[in-house]
Amino acid sequence: MPNNRDLIFKNDNGSRYFIVAGDDEEALLREMSRGGYVIAWGLDRENGVWTGGSYYGADEFGPAVKTFLEEGNDDL
């Protein structure tokens, strides 16, 4: 069973994200206070940053998942 460190990513700006799927290479994240989604790549847990990402609103879970899966991620 994963521990909380595996499920939560804390950004250097203080925002916390639940890791819905993926890994540190590419992950589907949900921002915990506002509910928006990010497909982020290059998660750097030590510094609380990622290399880049695509951003979706709180009501855009379907499009975020579709894009995440189309990019070859089948671990959702």
C-alpha atoms as a PDB file:
ATOM      1  CA  MET A   1       0.000   0.000   0.000  1.00  0.00           C
ATOM      2  CA  PRO A   2       1.427   3.415  -0.940  1.00  0.00           C
ATOM      3  CA  ASN A   3       2.162   5.890   1.817  1.00  0.00           C
ATOM      4  CA  ASN A   4       0.963   9.521   1.806  1.00  0.00           C
ATOM      5  CA  ARG A   5       4.227  10.694   0.249  1.00  0.00           C
ATOM      6  CA  ASP A   6       3.431   8.571  -2.780  1.00  0.00           C
ATOM      7  CA  LEU A   7      -0.072  10.036  -3.124  1.00  0.00           C
ATOM      8  CA  ILE A   8       0.490  13.742  -2.402  1.00  0.00           C
ATOM      9  CA  PHE A   9       2.728  16.210  -4.236  1.00  0.00           C
ATOM     10  CA  LYS A  10       3.416  19.529  -2.519  1.00  0.00           C
ATOM     11  CA  ASN A  11       4.308  22.334  -4.921  1.00  0.00           C
ATOM     12  CA  ASP A  12       6.905  24.914  -3.886  1.00  0.00           C
ATOM     13  CA  ASN A  13       4.125  27.541  -3.874  1.00  0.00           C
ATOM     14  CA  GLY A  14       2.368  25.635  -1.076  1.00  0.00           C
ATOM     15  CA  SER A  15      -0.345  23.969  -3.166  1.00  0.00           C
ATOM     16  CA  ARG A  16      -0.937  20.289  -2.564  1.00  0.00           C
ATOM     17  CA  TYR A  17      -1.950  17.849  -5.286  1.00  0.00           C
ATOM     18  CA  PHE A  18      -3.406  14.368  -5.052  1.00  0.00           C
ATOM     19  CA  ILE A  19      -1.723  12.042  -7.553  1.00  0.00           C
ATOM     20  CA  VAL A  20      -4.650  10.430  -9.377  1.00  0.00           C
ATOM     21  CA  ALA A  21      -2.502   8.330 -11.728  1.00  0.00           C
ATOM     22  CA  GLY A  22       0.974   8.049 -13.147  1.00  0.00           C
ATOM     23  CA  ASP A  23       4.394   8.521 -11.652  1.00  0.00           C
ATOM     24  CA  ASP A  24       7.100  11.179 -11.367  1.00  0.00           C
ATOM     25  CA  GLU A  25       7.715  11.046 -15.147  1.00  0.00           C
ATOM     26  CA  GLU A  26       4.119  11.980 -15.958  1.00  0.00           C
ATOM     27  CA  ALA A  27       1.188  12.215 -13.597  1.00  0.00           C
ATOM     28  CA  LEU A  28      -2.442  13.269 -13.485  1.00  0.00           C
ATOM     29  CA  LEU A  29      -2.801  15.523 -10.447  1.00  0.00           C
ATOM     30  CA  ARG A  30      -5.783  17.089  -8.685  1.00  0.00           C
ATOM     31  CA  GLU A  31      -5.212  20.324  -6.809  1.00  0.00           C
ATOM     32  CA  MET A  32      -6.585  19.718  -3.328  1.00  0.00           C
ATOM     33  CA  SER A  33      -8.017  23.125  -2.414  1.00  0.00           C
ATOM     34  CA  ARG A  34      -9.563  24.259  -5.706  1.00  0.00           C
ATOM     35  CA  GLY A  35     -10.047  20.942  -7.480  1.00  0.00           C
ATOM     36  CA  GLY A  36      -8.362  21.722 -10.802  1.00  0.00           C
ATOM     37  CA  TYR A  37      -6.373  19.083 -12.666  1.00  0.00           C
ATOM     38  CA  VAL A  38      -2.862  19.064 -14.094  1.00  0.00           C
ATOM     39  CA  ILE A  39      -1.137  16.589 -16.343  1.00  0.00           C
ATOM     40  CA  ALA A  40       2.381  17.250 -15.106  1.00  0.00           C
ATOM     41  CA  TRP A  41       5.646  15.801 -16.260  1.00  0.00           C
ATOM     42  CA  GLY A  42       9.020  15.739 -14.587  1.00  0.00           C
ATOM     43  CA  LEU A  43       7.843  15.861 -10.956  1.00  0.00           C
ATOM     44  CA  ASP A  44      10.702  16.906  -8.684  1.00  0.00           C
ATOM     45  CA  ARG A  45       9.473  16.064  -5.191  1.00  0.00           C
ATOM     46  CA  GLU A  46      12.555  17.392  -3.435  1.00  0.00           C
ATOM     47  CA  ASN A  47      12.162  20.913  -4.865  1.00  0.00           C
ATOM     48  CA  GLY A  48       8.358  20.885  -5.254  1.00  0.00           C
ATOM     49  CA  VAL A  49       8.307  21.653  -8.973  1.00  0.00           C
ATOM     50  CA  TRP A  50       7.531  19.985 -12.278  1.00  0.00           C
ATOM     51  CA  THR A  51       9.042  20.481 -15.711  1.00  0.00           C
ATOM     52  CA  GLY A  52       5.790  21.337 -17.469  1.00  0.00           C
ATOM     53  CA  GLY A  53       2.122  20.590 -17.570  1.00  0.00           C
ATOM     54  CA  SER A  54      -1.316  20.954 -19.081  1.00  0.00           C
ATOM     55  CA  TYR A  55      -3.939  22.568 -16.873  1.00  0.00           C
ATOM     56  CA  TYR A  56      -7.666  21.798 -16.564  1.00  0.00           C
ATOM     57  CA  GLY A  57     -10.472  23.294 -14.492  1.00  0.00           C
ATOM     58  CA  ALA A  58     -12.257  21.528 -11.642  1.00  0.00           C
ATOM     59  CA  ASP A  59     -15.084  20.570 -14.019  1.00  0.00           C
ATOM     60  CA  GLU A  60     -12.740  19.120 -16.660  1.00  0.00           C
ATOM     61  CA  PHE A  61     -11.884  15.724 -15.189  1.00  0.00           C
ATOM     62  CA  GLY A  62     -13.130  13.888 -18.310  1.00  0.00           C
ATOM     63  CA  PRO A  63     -10.995  15.865 -20.774  1.00  0.00           C
ATOM     64  CA  ALA A  64      -7.962  15.623 -18.460  1.00  0.00           C
ATOM     65  CA  VAL A  65      -8.290  11.837 -18.199  1.00  0.00           C
ATOM     66  CA  LYS A  66      -8.853  11.487 -21.954  1.00  0.00           C
ATOM     67  CA  THR A  67      -5.715  13.494 -22.720  1.00  0.00           C
ATOM     68  CA  PHE A  68      -3.704  11.633 -20.096  1.00  0.00           C
ATOM     69  CA  LEU A  69      -4.720   8.269 -21.561  1.00  0.00           C
ATOM     70  CA  GLU A  70      -4.160   9.403 -25.164  1.00  0.00           C
ATOM     71  CA  GLU A  71      -0.590  10.272 -24.253  1.00  0.00           C
ATOM     72  CA  GLY A  72       0.051   6.584 -23.633  1.00  0.00           C
ATOM     73  CA  ASN A  73      -0.662   6.366 -19.927  1.00  0.00           C
ATOM     74  CA  ASP A  74      -2.732   3.292 -19.227  1.00  0.00           C
ATOM     75  CA  ASP A  75      -2.327   3.072 -15.462  1.00  0.00           C
ATOM     76  CA  LEU A  76      -5.485   4.950 -14.510  1.00  0.00           C
END
